[in-house]
Amino acid sequence: MPDLDFEKILNAFENEGVQYILVGGMAAIGHGVDYATKDIDFCYQRKNENFAAIIRALKPSNPRLRAKDDKFNFYGFMVKTLSLEDLIKAKQAAGRTKDKLHLLELEAIREKENEG
């Protein structure tokens, strides 16, 4: 999976009038921290118009992800999740230490599911 094109994403946000602020690694970079990041973390205004602007801005780069048919109980809510295969691909693409640790478990789960 290729690295995100930060300029393209920020340009799309600006062109669509998305109301947002950067947080996380990109915010740290903006403050002068020498830091490499492969994602964009942002908070956004929670209004219908802004949701629509975010969807328009991200539509060209939306990955085709499949929701797992099974649902899992999170805090009393039955929630669809990213498929195991897509989650493994996402963790591999991120390549961070914490993702590599998750990969060990996720790949073991996949192996166990394939055996059963």
PDB file of N, CA and C in Angstrom:
ATOM      1  N   MET A   1       0.856  -1.175   0.000  1.00  0.00           N
ATOM      2  CA  MET A   1       0.000   0.000   0.000  1.00  0.00           C
ATOM      3  C   MET A   1       0.902   1.238   0.000  1.00  0.00           C
ATOM      4  N   PRO A   2       0.679   2.155  -0.929  1.00  0.00           N
ATOM      5  CA  PRO A   2       1.523   3.350  -0.999  1.00  0.00           C
ATOM      6  C   PRO A   2       1.276   4.292   0.173  1.00  0.00           C
ATOM      7  N   ASP A   3       2.294   5.112   0.445  1.00  0.00           N
ATOM      8  CA  ASP A   3       2.138   6.122   1.491  1.00  0.00           C
ATOM      9  C   ASP A   3       1.038   7.093   1.092  1.00  0.00           C
ATOM     10  N   LEU A   4       0.414   7.689   2.094  1.00  0.00           N
ATOM     11  CA  LEU A   4      -0.608   8.688   1.829  1.00  0.00           C
ATOM     12  C   LEU A   4       0.013   9.918   1.188  1.00  0.00           C
ATOM     13  N   ASP A   5      -0.728  10.543   0.317  1.00  0.00           N
ATOM     14  CA  ASP A   5      -0.310  11.801  -0.292  1.00  0.00           C
ATOM     15  C   ASP A   5      -0.904  12.915   0.566  1.00  0.00           C
ATOM     16  N   PHE A   6      -0.132  13.345   1.580  1.00  0.00           N
ATOM     17  CA  PHE A   6      -0.618  14.345   2.525  1.00  0.00           C
ATOM     18  C   PHE A   6      -1.084  15.611   1.821  1.00  0.00           C
ATOM     19  N   GLU A   7      -0.300  16.070   0.859  1.00  0.00           N
ATOM     20  CA  GLU A   7      -0.657  17.302   0.154  1.00  0.00           C
ATOM     21  C   GLU A   7      -2.012  17.159  -0.546  1.00  0.00           C
ATOM     22  N   LYS A   8      -2.233  16.016  -1.176  1.00  0.00           N
ATOM     23  CA  LYS A   8      -3.495  15.782  -1.886  1.00  0.00           C
ATOM     24  C   LYS A   8      -4.674  15.781  -0.913  1.00  0.00           C
ATOM     25  N   ILE A   9      -4.504  15.137   0.229  1.00  0.00           N
ATOM     26  CA  ILE A   9      -5.583  15.069   1.221  1.00  0.00           C
ATOM     27  C   ILE A   9      -5.879  16.457   1.787  1.00  0.00           C
ATOM     28  N   LEU A  10      -4.834  17.179   2.179  1.00  0.00           N
ATOM     29  CA  LEU A  10      -5.043  18.515   2.734  1.00  0.00           C
ATOM     30  C   LEU A  10      -5.647  19.455   1.694  1.00  0.00           C
ATOM     31  N   ASN A  11      -5.205  19.316   0.454  1.00  0.00           N
ATOM     32  CA  ASN A  11      -5.765  20.129  -0.621  1.00  0.00           C
ATOM     33  C   ASN A  11      -7.254  19.820  -0.801  1.00  0.00           C
ATOM     34  N   ALA A  12      -7.616  18.545  -0.774  1.00  0.00           N
ATOM     35  CA  ALA A  12      -9.026  18.163  -0.910  1.00  0.00           C
ATOM     36  C   ALA A  12      -9.846  18.714   0.248  1.00  0.00           C
ATOM     37  N   PHE A  13      -9.308  18.654   1.473  1.00  0.00           N
ATOM     38  CA  PHE A  13     -10.009  19.218   2.628  1.00  0.00           C
ATOM     39  C   PHE A  13     -10.253  20.709   2.432  1.00  0.00           C
ATOM     40  N   GLU A  14      -9.227  21.415   1.994  1.00  0.00           N
ATOM     41  CA  GLU A  14      -9.355  22.855   1.795  1.00  0.00           C
ATOM     42  C   GLU A  14     -10.345  23.170   0.671  1.00  0.00           C
ATOM     43  N   ASN A  15     -10.239  22.432  -0.440  1.00  0.00           N
ATOM     44  CA  ASN A  15     -11.142  22.671  -1.574  1.00  0.00           C
ATOM     45  C   ASN A  15     -12.598  22.400  -1.231  1.00  0.00           C
ATOM     46  N   GLU A  16     -12.843  21.432  -0.369  1.00  0.00           N
ATOM     47  CA  GLU A  16     -14.218  21.082   0.006  1.00  0.00           C
ATOM     48  C   GLU A  16     -14.704  21.868   1.222  1.00  0.00           C
ATOM     49  N   GLY A  17     -13.828  22.679   1.813  1.00  0.00           N
ATOM     50  CA  GLY A  17     -14.224  23.494   2.955  1.00  0.00           C
ATOM     51  C   GLY A  17     -14.416  22.706   4.242  1.00  0.00           C
ATOM     52  N   VAL A  18     -13.673  21.614   4.391  1.00  0.00           N
ATOM     53  CA  VAL A  18     -13.773  20.806   5.605  1.00  0.00           C
ATOM     54  C   VAL A  18     -13.292  21.629   6.801  1.00  0.00           C
ATOM     55  N   GLN A  19     -14.077  21.618   7.868  1.00  0.00           N
ATOM     56  CA  GLN A  19     -13.696  22.278   9.120  1.00  0.00           C
ATOM     57  C   GLN A  19     -12.982  21.242   9.980  1.00  0.00           C
ATOM     58  N   TYR A  20     -11.663  21.394  10.152  1.00  0.00           N
ATOM     59  CA  TYR A  20     -10.873  20.391  10.863  1.00  0.00           C
ATOM     60  C   TYR A  20      -9.649  21.035  11.499  1.00  0.00           C
ATOM     61  N   ILE A  21      -9.028  20.288  12.390  1.00  0.00           N
ATOM     62  CA  ILE A  21      -7.702  20.639  12.899  1.00  0.00           C
ATOM     63  C   ILE A  21      -6.865  19.372  12.897  1.00  0.00           C
ATOM     64  N   LEU A  22      -5.594  19.508  12.598  1.00  0.00           N
ATOM     65  CA  LEU A  22      -4.686  18.365  12.649  1.00  0.00           C
ATOM     66  C   LEU A  22      -4.287  18.101  14.088  1.00  0.00           C
ATOM     67  N   VAL A  23      -4.175  16.841  14.423  1.00  0.00           N
ATOM     68  CA  VAL A  23      -3.700  16.416  15.744  1.00  0.00           C
ATOM     69  C   VAL A  23      -2.655  15.326  15.506  1.00  0.00           C
ATOM     70  N   GLY A  24      -2.072  14.809  16.536  1.00  0.00           N
ATOM     71  CA  GLY A  24      -1.122  13.710  16.380  1.00  0.00           C
ATOM     72  C   GLY A  24       0.184  14.138  15.752  1.00  0.00           C
ATOM     73  N   GLY A  25       0.763  13.216  14.979  1.00  0.00           N
ATOM     74  CA  GLY A  25       2.087  13.426  14.395  1.00  0.00           C
ATOM     75  C   GLY A  25       2.184  14.640  13.494  1.00  0.00           C
ATOM     76  N   MET A  26       1.159  14.875  12.674  1.00  0.00           N
ATOM     77  CA  MET A  26       1.198  16.039  11.782  1.00  0.00           C
ATOM     78  C   MET A  26       1.196  17.343  12.572  1.00  0.00           C
ATOM     79  N   ALA A  27       0.445  17.379  13.661  1.00  0.00           N
ATOM     80  CA  ALA A  27       0.458  18.583  14.505  1.00  0.00           C
ATOM     81  C   ALA A  27       1.846  18.785  15.106  1.00  0.00           C
ATOM     82  N   ALA A  28       2.476  17.687  15.528  1.00  0.00           N
ATOM     83  CA  ALA A  28       3.830  17.774  16.087  1.00  0.00           C
ATOM     84  C   ALA A  28       4.807  18.298  15.046  1.00  0.00           C
ATOM     85  N   ILE A  29       4.684  17.828  13.814  1.00  0.00           N
ATOM     86  CA  ILE A  29       5.551  18.304  12.729  1.00  0.00           C
ATOM     87  C   ILE A  29       5.341  19.796  12.515  1.00  0.00           C
ATOM     88  N   GLY A  30       4.084  20.232  12.543  1.00  0.00           N
ATOM     89  CA  GLY A  30       3.778  21.643  12.387  1.00  0.00           C
ATOM     90  C   GLY A  30       4.438  22.512  13.443  1.00  0.00           C
ATOM     91  N   HIS A  31       4.635  21.936  14.618  1.00  0.00           N
ATOM     92  CA  HIS A  31       5.281  22.664  15.712  1.00  0.00           C
ATOM     93  C   HIS A  31       6.797  22.564  15.653  1.00  0.00           C
ATOM     94  N   GLY A  32       7.309  21.833  14.655  1.00  0.00           N
ATOM     95  CA  GLY A  32       8.762  21.778  14.478  1.00  0.00           C
ATOM     96  C   GLY A  32       9.422  20.496  14.940  1.00  0.00           C
ATOM     97  N   VAL A  33       8.648  19.504  15.376  1.00  0.00           N
ATOM     98  CA  VAL A  33       9.223  18.235  15.807  1.00  0.00           C
ATOM     99  C   VAL A  33       9.690  17.460  14.579  1.00  0.00           C
ATOM    100  N   ASP A  34      10.884  16.885  14.638  1.00  0.00           N
ATOM    101  CA  ASP A  34      11.405  16.050  13.561  1.00  0.00           C
ATOM    102  C   ASP A  34      10.816  14.661  13.745  1.00  0.00           C
ATOM    103  N   TYR A  35       9.754  14.379  13.002  1.00  0.00           N
ATOM    104  CA  TYR A  35       8.980  13.163  13.211  1.00  0.00           C
ATOM    105  C   TYR A  35       8.458  12.669  11.869  1.00  0.00           C
ATOM    106  N   ALA A  36       8.514  11.385  11.653  1.00  0.00           N
ATOM    107  CA  ALA A  36       7.956  10.805  10.434  1.00  0.00           C
ATOM    108  C   ALA A  36       6.630  10.148  10.770  1.00  0.00           C
ATOM    109  N   THR A  37       5.634  10.388   9.949  1.00  0.00           N
ATOM    110  CA  THR A  37       4.335   9.774  10.165  1.00  0.00           C
ATOM    111  C   THR A  37       3.795   9.294   8.825  1.00  0.00           C
ATOM    112  N   LYS A  38       2.950   8.285   8.890  1.00  0.00           N
ATOM    113  CA  LYS A  38       2.363   7.741   7.666  1.00  0.00           C
ATOM    114  C   LYS A  38       0.852   7.907   7.648  1.00  0.00           C
ATOM    115  N   ASP A  39       0.329   8.697   8.590  1.00  0.00           N
ATOM    116  CA  ASP A  39      -1.112   8.910   8.607  1.00  0.00           C
ATOM    117  C   ASP A  39      -1.433  10.336   8.999  1.00  0.00           C
ATOM    118  N   ILE A  40      -2.676  10.683   8.826  1.00  0.00           N
ATOM    119  CA  ILE A  40      -3.156  11.997   9.220  1.00  0.00           C
ATOM    120  C   ILE A  40      -4.249  11.794  10.259  1.00  0.00           C
ATOM    121  N   ASP A  41      -4.043  12.379  11.420  1.00  0.00           N
ATOM    122  CA  ASP A  41      -5.060  12.359  12.468  1.00  0.00           C
ATOM    123  C   ASP A  41      -5.672  13.751  12.527  1.00  0.00           C
ATOM    124  N   PHE A  42      -6.999  13.790  12.536  1.00  0.00           N
ATOM    125  CA  PHE A  42      -7.649  15.085  12.598  1.00  0.00           C
ATOM    126  C   PHE A  42      -8.950  14.998  13.376  1.00  0.00           C
ATOM    127  N   CYS A  43      -9.318  16.122  13.956  1.00  0.00           N
ATOM    128  CA  CYS A  43     -10.625  16.278  14.585  1.00  0.00           C
ATOM    129  C   CYS A  43     -11.434  17.178  13.664  1.00  0.00           C
ATOM    130  N   TYR A  44     -12.725  16.979  13.650  1.00  0.00           N
ATOM    131  CA  TYR A  44     -13.549  17.716  12.709  1.00  0.00           C
ATOM    132  C   TYR A  44     -14.825  18.206  13.374  1.00  0.00           C
ATOM    133  N   GLN A  45     -15.368  19.256  12.796  1.00  0.00           N
ATOM    134  CA  GLN A  45     -16.628  19.804  13.279  1.00  0.00           C
ATOM    135  C   GLN A  45     -17.736  18.808  12.951  1.00  0.00           C
ATOM    136  N   ARG A  46     -18.556  18.501  13.945  1.00  0.00           N
ATOM    137  CA  ARG A  46     -19.590  17.474  13.777  1.00  0.00           C
ATOM    138  C   ARG A  46     -20.926  18.099  13.379  1.00  0.00           C
ATOM    139  N   LYS A  47     -20.977  18.488  12.125  1.00  0.00           N
ATOM    140  CA  LYS A  47     -22.203  19.019  11.532  1.00  0.00           C
ATOM    141  C   LYS A  47     -22.415  18.305  10.211  1.00  0.00           C
ATOM    142  N   ASN A  48     -23.672  18.148   9.812  1.00  0.00           N
ATOM    143  CA  ASN A  48     -23.983  17.421   8.582  1.00  0.00           C
ATOM    144  C   ASN A  48     -23.231  17.973   7.377  1.00  0.00           C
ATOM    145  N   GLU A  49     -23.144  19.291   7.265  1.00  0.00           N
ATOM    146  CA  GLU A  49     -22.460  19.902   6.123  1.00  0.00           C
ATOM    147  C   GLU A  49     -20.982  19.497   6.110  1.00  0.00           C
ATOM    148  N   ASN A  50     -20.384  19.409   7.285  1.00  0.00           N
ATOM    149  CA  ASN A  50     -18.971  19.056   7.368  1.00  0.00           C
ATOM    150  C   ASN A  50     -18.762  17.570   7.069  1.00  0.00           C
ATOM    151  N   PHE A  51     -19.687  16.729   7.535  1.00  0.00           N
ATOM    152  CA  PHE A  51     -19.601  15.303   7.200  1.00  0.00           C
ATOM    153  C   PHE A  51     -19.625  15.125   5.681  1.00  0.00           C
ATOM    154  N   ALA A  52     -20.529  15.837   5.030  1.00  0.00           N
ATOM    155  CA  ALA A  52     -20.633  15.747   3.574  1.00  0.00           C
ATOM    156  C   ALA A  52     -19.340  16.222   2.899  1.00  0.00           C
ATOM    157  N   ALA A  53     -18.741  17.281   3.420  1.00  0.00           N
ATOM    158  CA  ALA A  53     -17.491  17.802   2.857  1.00  0.00           C
ATOM    159  C   ALA A  53     -16.361  16.786   3.026  1.00  0.00           C
ATOM    160  N   ILE A  54     -16.301  16.126   4.174  1.00  0.00           N
ATOM    161  CA  ILE A  54     -15.263  15.108   4.410  1.00  0.00           C
ATOM    162  C   ILE A  54     -15.433  13.957   3.433  1.00  0.00           C
ATOM    163  N   ILE A  55     -16.669  13.517   3.252  1.00  0.00           N
ATOM    164  CA  ILE A  55     -16.935  12.415   2.318  1.00  0.00           C
ATOM    165  C   ILE A  55     -16.517  12.798   0.904  1.00  0.00           C
ATOM    166  N   ARG A  56     -16.859  13.997   0.481  1.00  0.00           N
ATOM    167  CA  ARG A  56     -16.460  14.455  -0.860  1.00  0.00           C
ATOM    168  C   ARG A  56     -14.937  14.513  -0.981  1.00  0.00           C
ATOM    169  N   ALA A  57     -14.284  15.010   0.058  1.00  0.00           N
ATOM    170  CA  ALA A  57     -12.829  15.169   0.019  1.00  0.00           C
ATOM    171  C   ALA A  57     -12.108  13.826  -0.029  1.00  0.00           C
ATOM    172  N   LEU A  58     -12.615  12.839   0.677  1.00  0.00           N
ATOM    173  CA  LEU A  58     -11.923  11.553   0.773  1.00  0.00           C
ATOM    174  C   LEU A  58     -12.399  10.525  -0.238  1.00  0.00           C
ATOM    175  N   LYS A  59     -13.488  10.783  -0.905  1.00  0.00           N
ATOM    176  CA  LYS A  59     -14.065   9.799  -1.821  1.00  0.00           C
ATOM    177  C   LYS A  59     -13.068   9.242  -2.832  1.00  0.00           C
ATOM    178  N   PRO A  60     -12.264  10.061  -3.506  1.00  0.00           N
ATOM    179  CA  PRO A  60     -11.349   9.489  -4.500  1.00  0.00           C
ATOM    180  C   PRO A  60     -10.325   8.523  -3.908  1.00  0.00           C
ATOM    181  N   SER A  61     -10.016   8.660  -2.618  1.00  0.00           N
ATOM    182  CA  SER A  61      -8.992   7.807  -2.031  1.00  0.00           C
ATOM    183  C   SER A  61      -9.564   6.772  -1.076  1.00  0.00           C
ATOM    184  N   ASN A  62     -10.903   6.637  -1.057  1.00  0.00           N
ATOM    185  CA  ASN A  62     -11.495   5.645  -0.161  1.00  0.00           C
ATOM    186  C   ASN A  62     -11.036   4.243  -0.521  1.00  0.00           C
ATOM    187  N   PRO A  63     -10.459   3.517   0.442  1.00  0.00           N
ATOM    188  CA  PRO A  63     -10.093   2.118   0.160  1.00  0.00           C
ATOM    189  C   PRO A  63     -11.346   1.267   0.102  1.00  0.00           C
ATOM    190  N   ARG A  64     -11.291   0.221  -0.655  1.00  0.00           N
ATOM    191  CA  ARG A  64     -12.421  -0.703  -0.725  1.00  0.00           C
ATOM    192  C   ARG A  64     -12.241  -1.730   0.383  1.00  0.00           C
ATOM    193  N   LEU A  65     -12.851  -1.471   1.493  1.00  0.00           N
ATOM    194  CA  LEU A  65     -12.740  -2.341   2.660  1.00  0.00           C
ATOM    195  C   LEU A  65     -14.040  -3.087   2.841  1.00  0.00           C
ATOM    196  N   ARG A  66     -13.913  -4.301   3.304  1.00  0.00           N
ATOM    197  CA  ARG A  66     -15.095  -5.117   3.537  1.00  0.00           C
ATOM    198  C   ARG A  66     -15.342  -5.194   5.036  1.00  0.00           C
ATOM    199  N   ALA A  67     -16.586  -4.999   5.413  1.00  0.00           N
ATOM    200  CA  ALA A  67     -16.946  -5.202   6.812  1.00  0.00           C
ATOM    201  C   ALA A  67     -17.130  -6.701   7.012  1.00  0.00           C
ATOM    202  N   LYS A  68     -16.592  -7.201   8.089  1.00  0.00           N
ATOM    203  CA  LYS A  68     -16.723  -8.618   8.397  1.00  0.00           C
ATOM    204  C   LYS A  68     -18.192  -8.945   8.624  1.00  0.00           C
ATOM    205  N   ASP A  69     -18.615 -10.105   8.138  1.00  0.00           N
ATOM    206  CA  ASP A  69     -20.009 -10.501   8.309  1.00  0.00           C
ATOM    207  C   ASP A  69     -20.366 -10.665   9.776  1.00  0.00           C
ATOM    208  N   ASP A  70     -19.433 -11.147  10.561  1.00  0.00           N
ATOM    209  CA  ASP A  70     -19.678 -11.311  11.990  1.00  0.00           C
ATOM    210  C   ASP A  70     -19.687  -9.950  12.656  1.00  0.00           C
ATOM    211  N   LYS A  71     -20.423  -9.892  13.720  1.00  0.00           N
ATOM    212  CA  LYS A  71     -20.422  -8.670  14.525  1.00  0.00           C
ATOM    213  C   LYS A  71     -19.800  -9.012  15.868  1.00  0.00           C
ATOM    214  N   PHE A  72     -19.161  -8.020  16.456  1.00  0.00           N
ATOM    215  CA  PHE A  72     -18.556  -8.199  17.760  1.00  0.00           C
ATOM    216  C   PHE A  72     -19.188  -7.234  18.747  1.00  0.00           C
ATOM    217  N   ASN A  73     -19.266  -7.649  19.979  1.00  0.00           N
ATOM    218  CA  ASN A  73     -19.867  -6.835  21.025  1.00  0.00           C
ATOM    219  C   ASN A  73     -18.814  -5.906  21.615  1.00  0.00           C
ATOM    220  N   PHE A  74     -19.006  -4.621  21.403  1.00  0.00           N
ATOM    221  CA  PHE A  74     -18.156  -3.602  22.000  1.00  0.00           C
ATOM    222  C   PHE A  74     -19.030  -2.721  22.874  1.00  0.00           C
ATOM    223  N   TYR A  75     -18.829  -2.804  24.169  1.00  0.00           N
ATOM    224  CA  TYR A  75     -19.549  -1.957  25.116  1.00  0.00           C
ATOM    225  C   TYR A  75     -21.062  -2.042  24.934  1.00  0.00           C
ATOM    226  N   GLY A  76     -21.543  -3.248  24.640  1.00  0.00           N
ATOM    227  CA  GLY A  76     -22.973  -3.451  24.502  1.00  0.00           C
ATOM    228  C   GLY A  76     -23.518  -3.175  23.121  1.00  0.00           C
ATOM    229  N   PHE A  77     -22.658  -2.775  22.175  1.00  0.00           N
ATOM    230  CA  PHE A  77     -23.083  -2.520  20.803  1.00  0.00           C
ATOM    231  C   PHE A  77     -22.537  -3.619  19.904  1.00  0.00           C
ATOM    232  N   MET A  78     -23.391  -4.164  19.047  1.00  0.00           N
ATOM    233  CA  MET A  78     -22.936  -5.147  18.069  1.00  0.00           C
ATOM    234  C   MET A  78     -22.417  -4.374  16.863  1.00  0.00           C
ATOM    235  N   VAL A  79     -21.115  -4.488  16.609  1.00  0.00           N
ATOM    236  CA  VAL A  79     -20.439  -3.647  15.623  1.00  0.00           C
ATOM    237  C   VAL A  79     -19.748  -4.506  14.569  1.00  0.00           C
ATOM    238  N   LYS A  80     -19.941  -4.139  13.285  1.00  0.00           N
ATOM    239  CA  LYS A  80     -19.191  -4.797  12.219  1.00  0.00           C
ATOM    240  C   LYS A  80     -17.750  -4.320  12.291  1.00  0.00           C
ATOM    241  N   THR A  81     -16.839  -5.190  11.912  1.00  0.00           N
ATOM    242  CA  THR A  81     -15.426  -4.828  11.940  1.00  0.00           C
ATOM    243  C   THR A  81     -14.793  -5.019  10.569  1.00  0.00           C
ATOM    244  N   LEU A  82     -13.658  -4.418  10.404  1.00  0.00           N
ATOM    245  CA  LEU A  82     -12.835  -4.625   9.230  1.00  0.00           C
ATOM    246  C   LEU A  82     -12.508  -6.112   9.154  1.00  0.00           C
ATOM    247  N   SER A  83     -12.513  -6.679   7.961  1.00  0.00           N
ATOM    248  CA  SER A  83     -12.204  -8.103   7.830  1.00  0.00           C
ATOM    249  C   SER A  83     -10.796  -8.365   8.358  1.00  0.00           C
ATOM    250  N   LEU A  84     -10.581  -9.597   8.787  1.00  0.00           N
ATOM    251  CA  LEU A  84      -9.272  -9.972   9.323  1.00  0.00           C
ATOM    252  C   LEU A  84      -8.182  -9.746   8.281  1.00  0.00           C
ATOM    253  N   GLU A  85      -8.441 -10.137   7.033  1.00  0.00           N
ATOM    254  CA  GLU A  85      -7.441  -9.952   5.977  1.00  0.00           C
ATOM    255  C   GLU A  85      -7.125  -8.479   5.744  1.00  0.00           C
ATOM    256  N   ASP A  86      -8.160  -7.637   5.697  1.00  0.00           N
ATOM    257  CA  ASP A  86      -7.928  -6.209   5.491  1.00  0.00           C
ATOM    258  C   ASP A  86      -7.223  -5.574   6.683  1.00  0.00           C
ATOM    259  N   LEU A  87      -7.536  -6.044   7.886  1.00  0.00           N
ATOM    260  CA  LEU A  87      -6.867  -5.524   9.074  1.00  0.00           C
ATOM    261  C   LEU A  87      -5.385  -5.890   9.040  1.00  0.00           C
ATOM    262  N   ILE A  88      -5.086  -7.111   8.645  1.00  0.00           N
ATOM    263  CA  ILE A  88      -3.682  -7.529   8.524  1.00  0.00           C
ATOM    264  C   ILE A  88      -2.970  -6.663   7.489  1.00  0.00           C
ATOM    265  N   LYS A  89      -3.610  -6.422   6.347  1.00  0.00           N
ATOM    266  CA  LYS A  89      -3.002  -5.567   5.315  1.00  0.00           C
ATOM    267  C   LYS A  89      -2.758  -4.151   5.844  1.00  0.00           C
ATOM    268  N   ALA A  90      -3.707  -3.617   6.582  1.00  0.00           N
ATOM    269  CA  ALA A  90      -3.562  -2.263   7.124  1.00  0.00           C
ATOM    270  C   ALA A  90      -2.409  -2.194   8.118  1.00  0.00           C
ATOM    271  N   LYS A  91      -2.302  -3.198   8.966  1.00  0.00           N
ATOM    272  CA  LYS A  91      -1.210  -3.219   9.956  1.00  0.00           C
ATOM    273  C   LYS A  91       0.141  -3.382   9.263  1.00  0.00           C
ATOM    274  N   GLN A  92       0.182  -4.216   8.217  1.00  0.00           N
ATOM    275  CA  GLN A  92       1.431  -4.385   7.468  1.00  0.00           C
ATOM    276  C   GLN A  92       1.841  -3.071   6.809  1.00  0.00           C
ATOM    277  N   ALA A  93       0.885  -2.368   6.251  1.00  0.00           N
ATOM    278  CA  ALA A  93       1.175  -1.105   5.572  1.00  0.00           C
ATOM    279  C   ALA A  93       1.651  -0.048   6.554  1.00  0.00           C
ATOM    280  N   ALA A  94       1.069  -0.020   7.747  1.00  0.00           N
ATOM    281  CA  ALA A  94       1.462   0.983   8.738  1.00  0.00           C
ATOM    282  C   ALA A  94       2.893   0.753   9.198  1.00  0.00           C
ATOM    283  N   GLY A  95       3.243  -0.495   9.458  1.00  0.00           N
ATOM    284  CA  GLY A  95       4.627  -0.847   9.772  1.00  0.00           C
ATOM    285  C   GLY A  95       5.190  -0.324  11.074  1.00  0.00           C
ATOM    286  N   ARG A  96       4.351   0.225  11.941  1.00  0.00           N
ATOM    287  CA  ARG A  96       4.850   0.729  13.225  1.00  0.00           C
ATOM    288  C   ARG A  96       5.113  -0.434  14.166  1.00  0.00           C
ATOM    289  N   THR A  97       5.916  -0.208  15.182  1.00  0.00           N
ATOM    290  CA  THR A  97       6.237  -1.251  16.144  1.00  0.00           C
ATOM    291  C   THR A  97       4.967  -1.835  16.752  1.00  0.00           C
ATOM    292  N   LYS A  98       4.046  -0.977  17.158  1.00  0.00           N
ATOM    293  CA  LYS A  98       2.819  -1.495  17.773  1.00  0.00           C
ATOM    294  C   LYS A  98       2.004  -2.310  16.773  1.00  0.00           C
ATOM    295  N   ASP A  99       2.049  -1.932  15.493  1.00  0.00           N
ATOM    296  CA  ASP A  99       1.331  -2.691  14.472  1.00  0.00           C
ATOM    297  C   ASP A  99       1.993  -4.044  14.233  1.00  0.00           C
ATOM    298  N   LYS A 100       3.318  -4.070  14.267  1.00  0.00           N
ATOM    299  CA  LYS A 100       4.033  -5.335  14.087  1.00  0.00           C
ATOM    300  C   LYS A 100       3.700  -6.302  15.217  1.00  0.00           C
ATOM    301  N   LEU A 101       3.536  -5.776  16.422  1.00  0.00           N
ATOM    302  CA  LEU A 101       3.166  -6.630  17.549  1.00  0.00           C
ATOM    303  C   LEU A 101       1.744  -7.165  17.376  1.00  0.00           C
ATOM    304  N   HIS A 102       0.845  -6.323  16.903  1.00  0.00           N
ATOM    305  CA  HIS A 102      -0.528  -6.771  16.632  1.00  0.00           C
ATOM    306  C   HIS A 102      -0.540  -7.819  15.522  1.00  0.00           C
ATOM    307  N   LEU A 103       0.334  -7.648  14.537  1.00  0.00           N
ATOM    308  CA  LEU A 103       0.380  -8.585  13.417  1.00  0.00           C
ATOM    309  C   LEU A 103       0.660 -10.002  13.874  1.00  0.00           C
ATOM    310  N   LEU A 104       1.540 -10.154  14.847  1.00  0.00           N
ATOM    311  CA  LEU A 104       1.846 -11.495  15.355  1.00  0.00           C
ATOM    312  C   LEU A 104       0.575 -12.190  15.827  1.00  0.00           C
ATOM    313  N   GLU A 105      -0.234 -11.482  16.564  1.00  0.00           N
ATOM    314  CA  GLU A 105      -1.485 -12.055  17.068  1.00  0.00           C
ATOM    315  C   GLU A 105      -2.498 -12.263  15.946  1.00  0.00           C
ATOM    316  N   LEU A 106      -2.636 -11.267  15.084  1.00  0.00           N
ATOM    317  CA  LEU A 106      -3.617 -11.370  14.004  1.00  0.00           C
ATOM    318  C   LEU A 106      -3.290 -12.516  13.051  1.00  0.00           C
ATOM    319  N   GLU A 107      -2.021 -12.685  12.737  1.00  0.00           N
ATOM    320  CA  GLU A 107      -1.627 -13.779  11.850  1.00  0.00           C
ATOM    321  C   GLU A 107      -1.837 -15.131  12.512  1.00  0.00           C
ATOM    322  N   ALA A 108      -1.636 -15.205  13.829  1.00  0.00           N
ATOM    323  CA  ALA A 108      -1.903 -16.448  14.564  1.00  0.00           C
ATOM    324  C   ALA A 108      -3.402 -16.767  14.547  1.00  0.00           C
ATOM    325  N   ILE A 109      -4.230 -15.728  14.684  1.00  0.00           N
ATOM    326  CA  ILE A 109      -5.683 -15.926  14.627  1.00  0.00           C
ATOM    327  C   ILE A 109      -6.084 -16.425  13.245  1.00  0.00           C
ATOM    328  N   ARG A 110      -5.512 -15.815  12.209  1.00  0.00           N
ATOM    329  CA  ARG A 110      -5.821 -16.239  10.834  1.00  0.00           C
ATOM    330  C   ARG A 110      -5.424 -17.687  10.621  1.00  0.00           C
ATOM    331  N   GLU A 111      -4.245 -18.049  11.099  1.00  0.00           N
ATOM    332  CA  GLU A 111      -3.773 -19.432  10.951  1.00  0.00           C
ATOM    333  C   GLU A 111      -4.717 -20.405  11.662  1.00  0.00           C
ATOM    334  N   LYS A 112      -5.147 -20.042  12.854  1.00  0.00           N
ATOM    335  CA  LYS A 112      -6.060 -20.903  13.616  1.00  0.00           C
ATOM    336  C   LYS A 112      -7.400 -21.039  12.895  1.00  0.00           C
ATOM    337  N   GLU A 113      -7.914 -19.927  12.331  1.00  0.00           N
ATOM    338  CA  GLU A 113      -9.166 -19.966  11.580  1.00  0.00           C
ATOM    339  C   GLU A 113      -9.038 -20.833  10.334  1.00  0.00           C
ATOM    340  N   ASN A 114      -7.891 -20.792   9.678  1.00  0.00           N
ATOM    341  CA  ASN A 114      -7.673 -21.589   8.471  1.00  0.00           C
ATOM    342  C   ASN A 114      -7.563 -23.082   8.777  1.00  0.00           C
ATOM    343  N   GLU A 115      -7.114 -23.396   9.980  1.00  0.00           N
ATOM    344  CA  GLU A 115      -7.018 -24.800  10.398  1.00  0.00           C
ATOM    345  C   GLU A 115      -8.395 -25.380  10.721  1.00  0.00           C
ATOM    346  N   GLY A 116      -9.293 -24.518  11.235  1.00  0.00           N
ATOM    347  CA  GLY A 116     -10.600 -24.982  11.711  1.00  0.00           C
ATOM    348  C   GLY A 116     -11.557 -25.075  10.614  1.00  0.00           C
TER     349      GLY A 116
END
